[in-house]
Protein backbone atom coordinates (compact mmCIF):
# COMPACT_ATOMS: atom_id res chain seq x y z
CA GLN A 1 93.41 37.30 110.08
CA VAL A 2 94.80 40.81 109.87
CA GLN A 3 94.15 43.23 112.71
CA LEU A 4 95.29 46.79 113.25
CA VAL A 5 94.52 48.16 116.69
CA GLU A 6 95.01 51.86 117.45
CA SER A 7 95.42 53.26 120.93
CA GLY A 8 96.59 56.42 122.66
CA GLY A 9 93.84 58.85 121.75
CA GLY A 10 92.18 61.12 124.23
CA LEU A 11 91.48 64.68 125.30
CA VAL A 12 94.39 67.13 125.34
CA GLN A 13 94.69 70.90 125.66
CA PRO A 14 95.95 73.01 122.77
CA GLY A 15 99.73 72.91 122.67
CA GLY A 16 99.82 69.49 124.27
CA SER A 17 101.08 66.16 122.98
CA LEU A 18 99.74 62.67 122.37
CA ARG A 19 101.33 59.49 121.09
CA LEU A 20 99.19 57.14 119.04
CA SER A 21 100.09 53.51 118.52
CA CYS A 22 98.94 50.97 115.95
CA ALA A 23 99.66 47.35 116.79
CA ALA A 24 99.49 44.90 113.90
CA SER A 25 98.80 41.19 113.79
CA GLY A 26 98.49 38.97 110.75
CA LEU A 27 100.89 41.10 108.72
CA ILE A 28 104.40 42.47 109.04
CA VAL A 29 104.35 46.26 109.11
CA SER A 30 107.79 46.58 107.54
CA ASN A 31 106.41 44.92 104.39
CA TYR A 32 103.74 47.59 103.94
CA ALA A 33 103.39 51.29 103.47
CA MET A 34 101.85 52.30 106.80
CA ASN A 35 99.69 55.39 107.05
CA TRP A 36 97.86 57.50 109.59
CA PHE A 37 94.65 59.08 108.35
CA ARG A 38 92.20 61.26 110.22
CA GLN A 39 88.59 62.20 109.78
CA ALA A 40 86.95 65.16 111.46
CA PRO A 41 83.14 65.43 111.74
CA GLY A 42 81.62 66.42 108.42
CA LYS A 43 84.93 66.19 106.59
CA GLN A 44 86.58 63.67 104.31
CA ARG A 45 89.20 61.32 105.61
CA GLU A 46 92.65 62.79 104.99
CA LEU A 47 96.12 61.35 104.88
CA VAL A 48 98.27 62.63 107.74
CA ALA A 49 101.51 60.66 107.59
CA THR A 50 103.14 57.74 105.80
CA ILE A 51 106.12 55.53 106.45
CA THR A 52 107.11 53.36 103.51
CA SER A 53 108.47 49.84 103.68
CA SER A 54 111.93 51.33 103.13
CA GLY A 55 111.45 53.70 106.08
CA ILE A 56 110.81 56.95 104.23
CA SER A 57 108.31 59.21 105.95
CA ASN A 58 106.00 61.85 104.48
CA TYR A 59 103.56 64.26 106.09
CA ALA A 60 100.62 66.43 105.23
CA ASP A 61 101.57 70.10 105.19
CA SER A 62 99.18 70.77 108.05
CA VAL A 63 101.15 68.54 110.45
CA LYS A 64 104.69 68.87 109.12
CA GLY A 65 107.09 69.77 111.90
CA ARG A 66 104.61 68.79 114.62
CA PHE A 67 103.90 65.10 113.98
CA THR A 68 106.37 62.25 113.64
CA ILE A 69 105.58 58.78 112.34
CA SER A 70 107.78 55.88 113.40
CA ARG A 71 107.91 52.11 113.10
CA ASP A 72 109.02 49.50 115.62
CA ASN A 73 109.77 46.33 113.70
CA ALA A 74 110.43 44.30 116.85
CA LYS A 75 106.98 45.11 118.20
CA ASN A 76 105.35 45.09 114.74
CA MET A 77 103.73 48.45 115.29
CA ILE A 78 103.79 52.06 114.19
CA CYS A 79 103.37 55.22 116.21
CA LEU A 80 102.41 58.82 115.62
CA GLN A 81 103.93 61.37 117.98
CA MET A 82 101.79 64.49 117.90
CA ASN A 83 103.15 67.69 119.42
CA SER A 84 101.88 71.27 119.54
CA LEU A 85 98.36 70.03 119.02
CA LYS A 86 95.72 72.40 117.73
CA PRO A 87 91.91 72.27 117.94
CA GLU A 88 91.85 71.58 114.21
CA ASP A 89 93.72 68.33 114.85
CA THR A 90 90.56 66.98 116.49
CA ALA A 91 89.48 63.88 114.58
CA VAL A 92 89.27 60.13 114.62
CA TYR A 93 92.71 58.83 113.69
CA TYR A 94 93.02 55.63 111.68
CA CYS A 95 95.95 53.39 110.95
CA ARG A 96 96.18 51.79 107.50
CA ALA A 97 98.44 49.17 105.97
CA TYR A 98 98.80 49.35 102.19
CA GLY A 99 100.46 46.72 100.06
CA PRO A 100 99.99 46.97 96.28
CA TYR A 101 99.82 43.21 95.98
CA SER A 102 98.93 42.31 99.56
CA GLY A 103 95.80 44.31 100.16
CA THR A 104 94.69 47.27 102.25
CA TYR A 105 93.76 47.04 105.92
CA TRP A 106 92.31 49.58 108.33
CA GLY A 107 92.14 49.88 112.07
CA GLN A 108 89.00 50.85 113.96
CA GLY A 109 90.22 54.36 114.82
CA THR A 110 90.98 56.29 117.97
CA GLN A 111 89.48 59.65 118.94
CA VAL A 112 91.73 62.66 119.46
CA THR A 113 90.13 65.78 120.89
CA VAL A 114 92.10 68.99 121.31
CA SER A 115 90.20 71.44 123.47
CA SER A 116 90.64 73.70 126.45
């Protein structure tokens, strides 16, 4: 059974940093395109960052230069380092594993709130 478990969310002041983690079981993260999505209240879920199976990373324009996605193959997990956080980064952040032939899996989400 596949499980993706996010952690690391919380309340942070504007300009602060958080590091989100997504621990996987039942699949090998290096075999999938791994994504971070976020969904703010009343808004559609949006793609924030991707790391492909070959290790290439991509970011939404709104987070480029502030967020960094990484993968730890030994721990079978991915992370999202978020720096210079803004109130508009407030959302529930979700981890997703996408394999074109292996299926799509989502985590349960972790809340990030940026507020003074």
